[in-house]
Amino acid sequence: MEVSKAEIASAAVASAPATEELRGAEILVNALQAEGVKYVWGYPGGAVLHIYDAFYKQDTIEHVLVRHEQAAVHAADGYARATGDVGVALVTSGPGVTNAVTGIATAYMDSIPMVIITGQVPTAAIGLDAFQECDTVGITRPIVKHNFLVKDAKDLAETMRKAFHIARSGRPGPVVVDVPKDVSFKKVAYAGYPESVAMRSYNPVRKGHAGQIRKALQLLLTAKRPYIYTGGGVLLGNATAELRALVDMLGYPCTNTLMGLGAYPATDPKFLGMLGMHGTIEANNAMQNCDVLLAVGARFDDRVIGNPRHFAQNERKIIHIDIDPSSISKRVKVDIPIVGDVKDVLTEMIAMIKESQLRADPAALGGWWGAINGWRQRDCLKYDRSNTEVIKPQYVIETLWNMTKDAEAYITSDVGQHQMWAAQYYKFNEPRRWINSGGLGTMGVGIPYAMGIKLAKPESEVYCVTGEGSVQMCIQELSTCLQYNTPIKILSLNNRYLGMVRQWQEIEYSGRYSHSYMDALPDFVKLAEAYGHVGMLIDKPQDVEPSLREARKLKDRTVFMDFRTDPTENVFPMVQAGKGITEMLLGAEDL
């Protein structure tokens, strides 16, 4: 029996997915639900009111009302760093967008997967200097992985699918979706969220070239002075298990960058400490004197290798594994580039080592470890532990480490001396436990990061290490902590200075402390109490441990600990700008 065209058409309509009419805002919220989003941090305004109305009508996503848009992006960023999920923030047009720019740039520099939804004036008003209008696409273009301006509500679902795909795949990064107010209000037919996404112009490579991996192994296994240098890409690629297996199998020394801490256990003897501007002697000397360097998910930035000419003085072979081809040979020429997902490449590398008959020369490796242990004897992280008059900031961090080393603890930090002391003296043994702004060096991230993490990890202990300068940049978020019950512990290493600025002025500017002293500081104890939290003032070394113990007991309260620390203390080791990484200042005696 012959089937008519009309019957075929009728059957096609019957089997097609049912469509319904939804407003653009409702489609956007459906997209977030389909992506499994649990939290959105934001601040309402005129251009996003339709979206906020759609949030009001659902109960699967919790919206967190921050006190400043910058903090919305930082909190979503902290959530993403700790969980590996895509963080989501929502801000209105104009100043909402410009306030969010610092948070977006912070996430971009550290390759954090995020989707930032921004409101925009109605499409008919774009370009006419409408109230609260700004060129969001133009402003954010240099600081995002990609951005979209959605001009038709029919495109919203597909755009959101693309935004999440771009944010989390390849080298992760923030994606901005700019939504005009009329687009969020318009009703259009909605057939459901796309199950897949196809982008002809975006197909990041995952699998490394097998031939390049074999060449790399040949170099690695015949090295006399091998070294493994890893960055944040190992954490972002969830490749810590593979890295640890590789290092343990080879028995080679390993170092992490500031952003890579926790990829390899800090308490393992094969870990030489952080390298770079404030890295250890052994980590920096090994970097300069190795003969084969394996770089994994790192980018040889200026804070790691110092002066590139100095770094190039010693001949070495460099293997570089990274998912982003543009990062390879960007600052330092490499010999064996391997483009691919670090987890996949390391897995293949481990399998090839097991199959290979080639093994490292134990005598050469023993000599190399002998040199490294000789550098270690210098104890470059020593400080005056016997001081009973004034609190040494390093002691606060060491005490926190000893107290929480067996707990599931997350440490956020702001930027400055306190950040470096936290990186040096807190021994991170697990990945994604150290949350800080590396590439952009953004002050004010500490409290928002901690808020975001505490929502994601309510049973974990979350500590924010900060200074009296950084903490005031987003201190209004103490109000958000109270409203959303995120009981974090804040350790302010209060030295009454913009400490890192003061340190540079002491060393480079003959002690001319131009605007680095913090006059008129608030009473942080009273300020914390005014926000509904617990405040503590600690000014004696013998009170450091008891106060931390007391704060830990207050599991359901946010506690602000104002530690009055030595204002003259500097971060050492230190590599000055323009110097090589082995040209380190080790203490006041080198000044």
Protein backbone atom coordinates (compact mmCIF):
# COMPACT_ATOMS: atom_id res chain seq x y z
CA MET A 1 0.00 0.00 0.00
CA GLU A 2 1.41 3.36 -1.04
CA VAL A 3 1.71 6.05 1.68
CA SER A 4 0.70 9.52 0.60
CA LYS A 5 2.85 12.62 1.09
CA ALA A 6 0.17 14.03 3.37
CA GLU A 7 0.37 10.95 5.61
CA ILE A 8 4.17 11.17 5.74
CA ALA A 9 3.96 14.85 6.71
CA SER A 10 1.33 14.05 9.34
CA ALA A 11 3.51 11.29 10.82
CA ALA A 12 6.53 13.62 10.90
CA VAL A 13 4.58 16.24 12.82
CA ALA A 14 3.36 13.61 15.28
CA SER A 15 6.92 12.38 15.96
CA ALA A 16 8.45 15.85 16.21
CA PRO A 17 9.23 17.10 19.72
CA ALA A 18 6.41 19.03 21.28
CA THR A 19 6.98 22.77 21.33
CA GLU A 20 5.72 25.37 23.73
CA GLU A 21 5.91 29.11 23.87
CA LEU A 22 8.28 30.47 26.49
CA ARG A 23 9.77 33.86 27.21
CA GLY A 24 13.48 34.26 26.59
CA ALA A 25 14.11 34.51 30.34
CA GLU A 26 12.34 31.19 30.90
CA ILE A 27 14.42 29.56 28.15
CA LEU A 28 17.57 30.89 29.80
CA VAL A 29 16.60 29.45 33.20
CA ASN A 30 15.69 26.13 31.53
CA ALA A 31 19.16 26.11 29.97
CA LEU A 32 20.81 26.58 33.36
CA GLN A 33 18.70 23.76 34.80
CA ALA A 34 19.63 21.49 31.89
CA GLU A 35 23.32 22.22 32.56
CA GLY A 36 22.89 21.12 36.19
CA VAL A 37 23.60 24.56 37.63
CA LYS A 38 23.00 24.66 41.39
CA TYR A 39 23.97 28.24 42.24
CA VAL A 40 23.96 31.57 40.47
CA TRP A 41 25.59 34.61 42.07
CA GLY A 42 24.19 37.95 41.00
CA TYR A 43 22.71 41.38 41.54
CA PRO A 44 19.46 42.55 39.91
CA GLY A 45 18.84 45.63 37.78
CA GLY A 46 16.40 46.89 35.17
CA ALA A 47 17.83 45.01 32.19
CA VAL A 48 17.62 41.60 33.90
CA LEU A 49 14.30 41.88 35.73
CA HIS A 50 12.57 39.45 33.36
CA ILE A 51 15.31 36.93 34.12
CA TYR A 52 14.90 37.50 37.85
CA ASP A 53 11.15 36.99 37.48
CA ALA A 54 11.86 33.63 35.82
CA PHE A 55 14.15 32.69 38.74
CA TYR A 56 11.34 33.52 41.15
CA LYS A 57 9.12 30.90 39.48
CA GLN A 58 11.57 27.97 39.93
CA ASP A 59 13.16 26.28 42.93
CA THR A 60 15.99 24.09 41.61
CA ILE A 61 18.66 26.82 41.30
CA GLU A 62 19.59 28.97 44.29
CA HIS A 63 20.36 32.58 43.49
CA VAL A 64 22.85 34.22 45.86
CA LEU A 65 22.42 37.97 46.21
CA VAL A 66 25.86 39.52 46.64
CA ARG A 67 26.54 43.14 47.65
CA HIS A 68 28.67 44.04 44.61
CA GLU A 69 28.83 42.56 41.12
CA GLN A 70 32.58 42.01 41.34
CA ALA A 71 31.94 39.63 44.24
CA ALA A 72 29.30 37.77 42.21
CA VAL A 73 31.87 36.81 39.61
CA HIS A 74 34.57 36.07 42.21
CA ALA A 75 32.21 33.79 44.18
CA ALA A 76 31.20 31.89 41.03
CA ASP A 77 34.91 31.70 40.18
CA GLY A 78 35.81 30.24 43.59
CA TYR A 79 33.01 27.69 43.25
CA ALA A 80 34.37 26.65 39.84
CA ARG A 81 37.97 26.36 41.08
CA ALA A 82 37.01 24.13 44.00
CA THR A 83 34.52 21.89 42.18
CA GLY A 84 35.61 21.85 38.54
CA ASP A 85 32.04 22.77 37.54
CA VAL A 86 31.15 25.84 35.48
CA GLY A 87 30.51 28.85 37.73
CA VAL A 88 27.60 31.13 36.80
CA ALA A 89 27.10 34.83 37.55
CA LEU A 90 24.30 37.22 36.55
CA VAL A 91 24.62 41.01 36.37
CA THR A 92 22.66 43.86 34.86
CA SER A 93 23.71 46.18 32.05
CA GLY A 94 26.03 49.19 32.23
CA PRO A 95 27.67 49.47 35.67
CA GLY A 96 26.64 45.89 36.45
CA VAL A 97 28.86 44.77 33.59
CA THR A 98 31.72 47.16 34.32
CA ASN A 99 31.72 46.14 38.00
CA ALA A 100 32.01 42.51 36.86
CA VAL A 101 34.99 43.14 34.56
CA THR A 102 37.65 42.58 37.25
CA GLY A 103 36.11 39.22 38.16
CA ILE A 104 35.90 38.17 34.51
CA ALA A 105 39.54 39.14 33.86
CA THR A 106 40.61 37.28 37.01
CA ALA A 107 38.94 34.09 35.79
CA TYR A 108 40.31 34.53 32.26
CA MET A 109 43.92 34.83 33.40
CA ASP A 110 43.63 31.59 35.42
CA SER A 111 41.56 29.68 32.80
CA ILE A 112 38.48 29.16 35.00
CA PRO A 113 35.29 27.74 33.40
CA MET A 114 32.52 30.30 33.86
CA VAL A 115 29.39 31.64 32.16
CA ILE A 116 28.54 35.26 32.95
CA ILE A 117 25.05 36.37 31.91
CA THR A 118 24.80 40.12 31.43
CA GLY A 119 21.73 42.23 30.86
CA GLN A 120 21.63 44.65 27.94
CA VAL A 121 19.33 47.50 26.92
CA PRO A 122 16.59 46.56 24.40
CA THR A 123 17.89 45.76 20.91
CA ALA A 124 16.28 48.87 19.42
CA ALA A 125 18.19 51.06 21.90
CA ILE A 126 21.64 49.51 21.39
CA GLY A 127 24.07 52.14 20.16
CA LEU A 128 21.85 55.07 21.16
CA ASP A 129 23.50 55.77 24.55
CA ALA A 130 20.47 54.44 26.38
CA PHE A 131 20.28 54.49 30.18
CA GLN A 132 22.75 51.96 31.63
CA GLU A 133 24.05 50.97 28.22
CA CYS A 134 27.61 49.89 27.55
CA ASP A 135 29.26 47.86 24.80
CA THR A 136 29.52 44.62 26.77
CA VAL A 137 30.88 42.60 23.85
CA GLY A 138 33.55 45.20 23.11
CA ILE A 139 34.53 45.75 26.74
CA THR A 140 34.85 42.06 27.58
CA ARG A 141 36.33 40.79 24.30
CA PRO A 142 39.99 40.85 25.52
CA ILE A 143 39.15 39.10 28.82
CA VAL A 144 36.88 36.23 27.76
CA LYS A 145 37.31 32.99 25.91
CA HIS A 146 34.27 34.00 23.86
CA ASN A 147 31.23 36.24 24.12
CA PHE A 148 27.76 36.35 22.56
CA LEU A 149 25.17 39.08 22.01
CA VAL A 150 21.80 37.31 21.67
CA LYS A 151 19.57 39.29 19.33
CA ASP A 152 16.71 36.79 19.05
CA ALA A 153 15.10 34.73 21.81
CA LYS A 154 14.97 31.76 19.40
CA ASP A 155 18.77 31.60 19.64
CA LEU A 156 19.00 31.60 23.44
CA ALA A 157 18.96 27.85 24.06
CA GLU A 158 21.60 27.09 21.43
CA THR A 159 23.74 30.02 22.57
CA MET A 160 23.67 28.84 26.18
CA ARG A 161 24.61 25.32 25.06
CA LYS A 162 27.58 26.73 23.15
CA ALA A 163 28.58 28.98 26.05
CA PHE A 164 28.83 26.10 28.53
CA HIS A 165 30.63 23.90 25.98
CA ILE A 166 33.23 26.59 25.24
CA ALA A 167 33.69 27.45 28.93
CA ARG A 168 34.45 23.90 30.08
CA SER A 169 36.23 22.32 27.09
CA GLY A 170 39.77 22.74 25.78
CA ARG A 171 41.58 25.36 27.83
CA PRO A 172 38.71 26.50 30.09
CA GLY A 173 37.71 30.11 30.46
CA PRO A 174 34.89 32.61 31.04
CA VAL A 175 32.17 33.12 28.42
CA VAL A 176 29.85 36.14 28.45
CA VAL A 177 26.26 35.92 27.18
CA ASP A 178 24.78 39.41 26.70
CA VAL A 179 20.96 39.37 26.71
CA PRO A 180 18.96 42.49 25.69
CA LYS A 181 15.88 43.13 27.82
CA ASP A 182 13.40 42.62 24.98
CA VAL A 183 15.02 39.28 24.11
CA SER A 184 14.48 38.05 27.66
CA PHE A 185 10.80 39.14 27.49
CA LYS A 186 9.81 37.93 24.02
CA LYS A 187 7.84 34.68 23.71
CA VAL A 188 9.04 32.15 21.13
CA ALA A 189 8.49 28.49 20.34
CA TYR A 190 10.74 26.29 22.49
CA ALA A 191 11.41 22.67 21.54
CA GLY A 192 13.82 21.86 24.35
CA TYR A 193 17.49 22.29 25.21
CA PRO A 194 19.92 21.01 22.53
CA GLU A 195 21.45 17.65 23.47
CA SER A 196 24.65 18.29 21.54
CA VAL A 197 26.56 21.16 20.07
CA ALA A 198 28.48 21.38 16.81
CA MET A 199 30.89 24.24 16.22
CA ARG A 200 32.93 23.92 13.05
CA SER A 201 35.41 26.59 14.14
CA TYR A 202 36.01 25.21 17.64
CA ASN A 203 37.36 21.69 18.06
CA PRO A 204 40.09 21.53 20.72
CA VAL A 205 42.54 18.66 20.41
CA ARG A 206 42.41 16.12 23.26
CA LYS A 207 44.67 13.28 22.19
CA GLY A 208 48.39 13.96 22.07
CA HIS A 209 50.51 12.91 19.09
CA ALA A 210 51.84 9.41 19.83
CA GLY A 211 55.11 10.04 18.01
CA GLN A 212 55.79 13.17 20.05
CA ILE A 213 55.03 11.32 23.27
CA ARG A 214 57.54 8.58 22.33
CA LYS A 215 60.20 11.18 21.57
CA ALA A 216 59.49 12.84 24.90
CA LEU A 217 59.88 9.54 26.76
CA GLN A 218 63.19 8.84 25.07
CA LEU A 219 64.45 12.19 26.36
CA LEU A 220 62.96 11.75 29.83
CA LEU A 221 64.31 8.26 30.41
CA THR A 222 67.83 9.09 29.24
CA ALA A 223 68.06 12.33 31.26
CA LYS A 224 70.82 12.79 33.82
CA ARG A 225 69.15 15.70 35.61
CA PRO A 226 65.40 15.45 34.92
CA TYR A 227 62.78 17.76 36.39
CA ILE A 228 58.98 17.82 36.26
CA TYR A 229 57.38 21.27 36.36
CA THR A 230 53.58 21.52 36.56
CA GLY A 231 51.04 24.32 36.59
CA GLY A 232 47.35 24.96 37.02
CA GLY A 233 46.56 22.97 33.88
CA VAL A 234 47.07 19.72 35.80
CA LEU A 235 44.37 20.72 38.29
CA LEU A 236 42.03 22.09 35.62
CA GLY A 237 42.48 18.89 33.62
CA ASN A 238 41.81 16.68 36.68
CA ALA A 239 45.12 14.97 36.02
CA THR A 240 46.60 14.87 39.53
CA ALA A 241 46.32 11.07 39.83
CA GLU A 242 48.18 10.62 36.53
CA LEU A 243 50.86 13.16 37.50
CA ARG A 244 51.45 11.46 40.85
CA ALA A 245 51.68 8.06 39.17
CA LEU A 246 54.23 9.38 36.67
CA VAL A 247 56.42 11.11 39.28
CA ASP A 248 56.35 8.10 41.60
CA MET A 249 57.10 5.70 38.76
CA LEU A 250 60.13 7.72 37.62
CA GLY A 251 61.35 8.95 41.01
CA TYR A 252 62.09 12.37 39.54
CA PRO A 253 61.95 15.69 41.42
CA CYS A 254 58.78 17.71 40.94
CA THR A 255 57.72 21.33 41.44
CA ASN A 256 54.39 23.16 41.19
CA THR A 257 53.67 26.74 40.27
CA LEU A 258 51.55 28.95 42.54
CA MET A 259 48.46 27.88 40.59
CA GLY A 260 49.49 24.22 40.56
CA LEU A 261 49.97 23.65 44.30
CA GLY A 262 48.33 20.43 45.46
CA ALA A 263 48.83 18.61 42.16
CA TYR A 264 51.65 16.69 43.83
CA PRO A 265 51.70 16.23 47.64
CA ALA A 266 53.75 18.95 49.31
CA THR A 267 54.85 16.56 52.07
CA ASP A 268 56.39 14.06 49.63
CA PRO A 269 60.22 14.21 49.52
CA LYS A 270 60.13 14.33 45.71
CA PHE A 271 58.36 17.71 45.89
CA LEU A 272 60.86 20.57 45.93
CA GLY A 273 58.35 23.28 46.84
CA MET A 274 56.90 26.08 44.75
CA LEU A 275 59.22 27.66 42.22
CA GLY A 276 59.51 31.18 40.85
CA MET A 277 59.73 34.67 42.32
CA HIS A 278 59.08 33.44 45.86
CA GLY A 279 59.99 29.81 45.28
CA THR A 280 62.48 27.68 47.18
CA ILE A 281 66.21 27.52 46.44
CA GLU A 282 65.97 23.85 45.53
CA ALA A 283 63.01 24.34 43.17
CA ASN A 284 64.60 27.29 41.35
CA ASN A 285 68.09 25.80 41.14
CA ALA A 286 66.71 22.54 39.79
CA MET A 287 64.77 24.49 37.15
CA GLN A 288 67.93 26.27 36.05
CA ASN A 289 70.27 23.27 36.16
CA CYS A 290 68.19 20.35 34.85
CA ASP A 291 69.06 18.80 31.49
CA VAL A 292 65.53 17.65 30.60
CA LEU A 293 62.46 19.57 31.72
CA LEU A 294 58.94 18.16 31.47
CA ALA A 295 56.44 21.04 31.66
CA VAL A 296 52.83 19.98 32.17
CA GLY A 297 49.94 22.45 32.02
CA ALA A 298 52.22 25.41 32.78
CA ARG A 299 53.06 28.49 30.74
CA PHE A 300 56.58 29.64 31.74
CA ASP A 301 55.24 33.01 32.90
CA ASP A 302 57.41 35.85 34.14
CA ARG A 303 56.86 35.02 37.83
CA VAL A 304 58.13 31.47 37.26
CA ILE A 305 61.25 31.76 35.09
CA GLY A 306 62.26 35.35 35.78
CA ASN A 307 64.42 36.81 33.01
CA PRO A 308 64.06 34.60 29.87
CA ARG A 309 67.64 35.39 28.79
CA HIS A 310 69.00 34.20 32.13
CA PHE A 311 66.82 31.08 31.87
CA ALA A 312 68.19 30.36 28.38
CA GLN A 313 71.84 30.53 29.54
CA ASN A 314 71.83 26.86 30.54
CA GLU A 315 71.19 24.38 27.76
CA ARG A 316 68.35 21.95 28.43
CA LYS A 317 65.77 20.02 26.46
CA ILE A 318 62.17 21.02 27.13
CA ILE A 319 59.05 18.90 26.68
CA HIS A 320 55.82 20.89 26.96
CA ILE A 321 52.36 19.33 27.33
CA ASP A 322 49.41 21.72 27.06
CA ILE A 323 45.91 21.70 25.63
CA ASP A 324 46.38 25.23 24.33
CA PRO A 325 48.78 25.31 21.36
CA SER A 326 49.20 29.08 21.71
CA SER A 327 50.84 28.57 25.14
CA ILE A 328 53.63 26.42 23.71
CA SER A 329 56.86 28.27 22.82
CA LYS A 330 55.14 31.56 23.74
CA ARG A 331 57.86 32.73 26.14
CA VAL A 332 60.39 29.89 26.01
CA LYS A 333 61.27 27.83 22.95
CA VAL A 334 60.54 24.15 23.54
CA ASP A 335 62.02 21.08 21.86
CA ILE A 336 59.09 18.64 21.97
CA PRO A 337 55.63 20.21 21.95
CA ILE A 338 52.69 17.93 22.78
CA VAL A 339 49.26 19.47 22.25
CA GLY A 340 46.51 17.61 24.05
CA ASP A 341 44.52 17.10 27.21
CA VAL A 342 47.06 16.63 30.03
CA LYS A 343 45.14 13.74 31.57
CA ASP A 344 45.03 11.83 28.28
CA VAL A 345 48.67 12.57 27.42
CA LEU A 346 49.97 11.55 30.86
CA THR A 347 47.88 8.36 30.75
CA GLU A 348 49.43 7.43 27.41
CA MET A 349 52.89 8.36 28.65
CA ILE A 350 52.54 6.09 31.70
CA ALA A 351 51.38 3.20 29.49
CA MET A 352 54.39 3.67 27.19
CA ILE A 353 56.82 3.72 30.13
CA LYS A 354 55.40 0.41 31.36
CA GLU A 355 55.91 -1.12 27.91
CA SER A 356 59.38 0.35 27.43
CA GLN A 357 62.57 -1.45 28.44
CA LEU A 358 64.31 1.88 28.93
CA ARG A 359 64.88 3.04 32.50
CA ALA A 360 66.54 6.07 34.06
CA ASP A 361 70.22 5.82 35.01
CA PRO A 362 70.15 5.28 38.81
CA ALA A 363 73.70 6.59 39.32
CA ALA A 364 73.02 9.83 37.45
CA LEU A 365 69.69 10.24 39.23
CA GLY A 366 71.37 9.65 42.59
CA GLY A 367 73.91 12.37 41.85
CA TRP A 368 71.15 14.74 40.83
CA TRP A 369 69.26 14.10 44.07
CA GLY A 370 72.51 14.68 45.96
CA ALA A 371 72.81 18.16 44.42
CA ILE A 372 69.16 18.90 45.21
CA ASN A 373 69.53 17.82 48.83
CA GLY A 374 72.58 20.06 49.09
CA TRP A 375 70.44 23.05 48.06
CA ARG A 376 67.78 21.95 50.54
CA GLN A 377 70.28 22.25 53.39
CA ARG A 378 70.04 26.03 53.09
CA ASP A 379 66.50 25.96 54.61
CA CYS A 380 65.42 29.02 52.66
CA LEU A 381 62.06 29.23 54.47
CA LYS A 382 63.52 29.68 57.93
CA TYR A 383 62.29 32.59 60.04
CA ASP A 384 62.55 33.73 63.67
CA ARG A 385 60.40 31.10 65.40
CA SER A 386 61.69 32.05 68.86
CA ASN A 387 60.16 35.53 68.84
CA THR A 388 57.68 35.88 71.73
CA GLU A 389 57.03 39.61 71.37
CA VAL A 390 55.37 39.90 67.98
CA ILE A 391 53.39 37.50 65.77
CA LYS A 392 55.30 36.29 62.75
CA PRO A 393 52.87 35.82 59.85
CA GLN A 394 54.59 32.57 58.81
CA TYR A 395 53.80 31.16 62.25
CA VAL A 396 50.07 31.79 61.78
CA ILE A 397 50.09 29.80 58.52
CA GLU A 398 52.20 26.99 59.97
CA THR A 399 49.87 26.74 62.96
CA LEU A 400 46.83 26.59 60.68
CA TRP A 401 48.50 23.83 58.64
CA ASN A 402 49.36 21.73 61.68
CA MET A 403 45.80 22.11 62.94
CA THR A 404 43.98 21.29 59.68
CA LYS A 405 46.35 18.96 57.81
CA ASP A 406 44.11 15.96 58.45
CA ALA A 407 40.86 17.84 57.77
CA GLU A 408 39.15 18.58 54.47
CA ALA A 409 40.20 22.22 54.44
CA TYR A 410 40.09 24.78 51.64
CA ILE A 411 42.35 27.83 51.78
CA THR A 412 41.54 30.97 49.81
CA SER A 413 43.72 34.03 49.79
CA ASP A 414 43.77 37.58 48.60
CA VAL A 415 46.90 38.98 46.96
CA GLY A 416 50.09 40.18 48.61
CA GLN A 417 52.57 38.99 51.20
CA HIS A 418 49.94 36.90 52.98
CA GLN A 419 49.27 35.03 49.72
CA MET A 420 52.93 34.08 49.35
CA TRP A 421 53.25 33.02 52.98
CA ALA A 422 50.18 30.81 52.58
CA ALA A 423 51.67 29.25 49.45
CA GLN A 424 55.04 28.69 51.14
CA TYR A 425 54.01 27.45 54.59
CA TYR A 426 50.71 25.62 54.07
CA LYS A 427 51.55 22.19 52.67
CA PHE A 428 48.88 21.40 50.09
CA ASN A 429 48.62 17.65 49.63
CA GLU A 430 45.36 17.56 47.69
CA PRO A 431 44.20 19.28 44.48
CA ARG A 432 41.74 22.19 44.32
CA ARG A 433 42.28 23.08 47.99
CA TRP A 434 44.32 26.25 47.32
CA ILE A 435 42.16 28.95 45.74
CA ASN A 436 43.79 32.26 44.82
CA SER A 437 44.20 34.74 41.98
CA GLY A 438 47.46 33.94 40.22
CA GLY A 439 47.59 35.54 36.78
CA LEU A 440 45.79 38.83 37.42
CA GLY A 441 46.74 39.15 41.11
CA THR A 442 43.37 40.50 42.19
CA MET A 443 42.93 41.89 45.69
CA GLY A 444 39.52 41.33 47.25
CA VAL A 445 38.90 37.79 45.98
CA GLY A 446 39.42 35.99 49.29
CA ILE A 447 36.02 36.38 50.97
CA PRO A 448 33.94 35.85 47.77
CA TYR A 449 36.01 32.78 46.88
CA ALA A 450 35.44 31.38 50.37
CA MET A 451 31.68 32.07 50.15
CA GLY A 452 31.42 30.22 46.86
CA ILE A 453 33.40 27.24 48.16
CA LYS A 454 31.42 27.00 51.40
CA LEU A 455 28.16 26.72 49.46
CA ALA A 456 29.68 23.98 47.33
CA LYS A 457 31.39 22.21 50.24
CA PRO A 458 29.25 22.90 53.34
CA GLU A 459 30.88 20.13 55.40
CA SER A 460 34.43 21.32 54.68
CA GLU A 461 36.44 23.91 56.61
CA VAL A 462 37.02 27.04 54.54
CA TYR A 463 39.68 29.59 55.53
CA CYS A 464 40.38 32.94 53.91
CA VAL A 465 43.94 34.20 54.40
CA THR A 466 44.00 37.92 53.78
CA GLY A 467 45.52 41.24 54.79
CA GLU A 468 43.99 44.43 56.14
CA GLY A 469 44.40 46.02 52.68
CA SER A 470 42.92 43.30 50.47
CA VAL A 471 40.08 42.41 52.80
CA GLN A 472 38.55 45.88 52.61
CA MET A 473 38.00 45.60 48.86
CA CYS A 474 35.10 43.17 49.18
CA ILE A 475 34.42 43.28 52.91
CA GLN A 476 30.75 44.08 52.29
CA GLU A 477 30.32 40.40 51.38
CA LEU A 478 30.35 39.64 55.11
CA SER A 479 26.68 40.57 54.79
CA THR A 480 26.20 37.88 52.11
CA CYS A 481 27.93 35.34 54.37
CA LEU A 482 25.31 35.99 57.03
CA GLN A 483 22.30 35.91 54.71
CA TYR A 484 23.29 32.65 53.03
CA ASN A 485 24.83 30.96 56.07
CA THR A 486 28.34 30.38 54.77
CA PRO A 487 30.39 30.20 57.99
CA ILE A 488 33.95 30.85 56.83
CA LYS A 489 37.04 31.64 58.92
CA ILE A 490 38.99 34.78 57.98
CA LEU A 491 42.64 35.12 59.00
CA SER A 492 43.74 38.71 58.45
CA LEU A 493 47.52 39.07 58.75
CA ASN A 494 47.30 42.71 59.72
CA ASN A 495 50.69 44.44 59.45
CA ARG A 496 49.23 47.95 58.93
CA TYR A 497 50.90 48.17 55.52
CA LEU A 498 50.18 47.25 51.94
CA GLY A 499 52.84 44.67 52.68
CA MET A 500 54.10 43.64 49.25
CA VAL A 501 54.17 47.27 48.09
CA ARG A 502 56.09 48.22 51.25
CA GLN A 503 58.54 45.35 50.67
CA TRP A 504 59.31 46.53 47.14
CA GLN A 505 59.64 50.11 48.33
CA GLU A 506 62.12 49.00 50.99
CA ILE A 507 64.21 47.02 48.51
CA GLU A 508 63.88 49.01 45.28
CA TYR A 509 63.06 52.54 46.44
CA SER A 510 65.42 53.03 49.41
CA GLY A 511 62.61 52.80 51.94
CA ARG A 512 60.47 55.61 50.49
CA TYR A 513 57.12 54.24 51.64
CA SER A 514 54.84 56.17 49.32
CA HIS A 515 51.18 55.57 50.28
CA SER A 516 51.72 52.02 51.47
CA TYR A 517 50.93 52.61 55.14
CA MET A 518 47.32 51.94 56.17
CA ASP A 519 46.16 54.86 58.31
CA ALA A 520 42.64 54.98 59.83
CA LEU A 521 42.01 51.24 59.82
CA PRO A 522 38.63 50.14 61.14
CA ASP A 523 38.18 48.10 64.29
CA PHE A 524 37.79 44.78 62.49
CA VAL A 525 36.39 43.03 65.56
CA LYS A 526 33.55 45.53 65.87
CA LEU A 527 33.07 45.54 62.11
CA ALA A 528 32.70 41.76 62.04
CA GLU A 529 30.26 41.94 64.94
CA ALA A 530 28.28 44.67 63.16
CA TYR A 531 27.82 42.24 60.25
CA GLY A 532 26.54 39.60 62.69
CA HIS A 533 29.74 37.57 62.99
CA VAL A 534 32.41 36.79 65.59
CA GLY A 535 35.47 39.03 65.80
CA MET A 536 38.79 38.23 67.50
CA LEU A 537 41.87 40.40 68.05
CA ILE A 538 45.11 38.42 68.44
CA ASP A 539 48.32 40.35 69.16
CA LYS A 540 50.52 37.87 71.05
CA PRO A 541 52.28 34.81 69.56
CA GLN A 542 51.12 32.59 72.44
CA ASP A 543 47.48 33.37 71.58
CA VAL A 544 47.68 32.28 67.92
CA GLU A 545 47.00 28.59 68.46
CA PRO A 546 44.26 29.00 71.11
CA SER A 547 42.39 31.53 68.96
CA LEU A 548 42.49 29.25 65.91
CA ARG A 549 41.21 26.36 68.03
CA GLU A 550 38.37 28.51 69.34
CA ALA A 551 37.46 29.64 65.83
CA ARG A 552 37.35 26.04 64.59
CA LYS A 553 34.93 25.15 67.36
CA LEU A 554 32.51 27.81 66.12
CA LYS A 555 31.53 25.67 63.16
CA ASP A 556 28.32 27.56 62.39
CA ARG A 557 29.73 31.09 62.67
CA THR A 558 31.85 33.23 60.42
CA VAL A 559 34.88 34.31 62.46
CA PHE A 560 37.11 37.28 61.62
CA MET A 561 40.55 36.90 63.23
CA ASP A 562 42.58 40.11 63.26
CA PHE A 563 46.18 38.92 63.75
CA ARG A 564 48.48 41.88 64.48
CA THR A 565 51.65 40.71 62.78
CA ASP A 566 55.21 42.01 62.48
CA PRO A 567 55.06 45.03 60.10
CA THR A 568 58.74 44.63 59.15
CA GLU A 569 58.54 41.03 57.94
CA ASN A 570 59.33 40.40 54.26
CA VAL A 571 58.65 37.46 51.97
CA PHE A 572 61.82 35.51 51.19
CA PRO A 573 63.18 34.01 49.01
CA MET A 574 62.60 36.76 46.48
CA VAL A 575 63.67 37.23 42.86
CA GLN A 576 63.70 40.88 41.83
CA ALA A 577 62.22 41.99 38.51
CA GLY A 578 64.64 41.48 35.64
CA LYS A 579 66.73 38.92 37.53
CA GLY A 580 67.13 35.22 36.88
CA ILE A 581 65.39 32.68 39.09
CA THR A 582 68.62 31.62 40.77
CA GLU A 583 69.52 35.24 41.65
CA MET A 584 67.53 35.11 44.87
CA LEU A 585 67.46 37.33 47.92
CA LEU A 586 67.25 34.98 50.90
CA GLY A 587 66.82 37.46 53.72
CA ALA A 588 67.61 40.87 55.15
CA GLU A 589 71.31 40.03 54.96
CA ASP A 590 71.10 40.15 51.14
CA LEU A 591 69.62 43.65 51.02
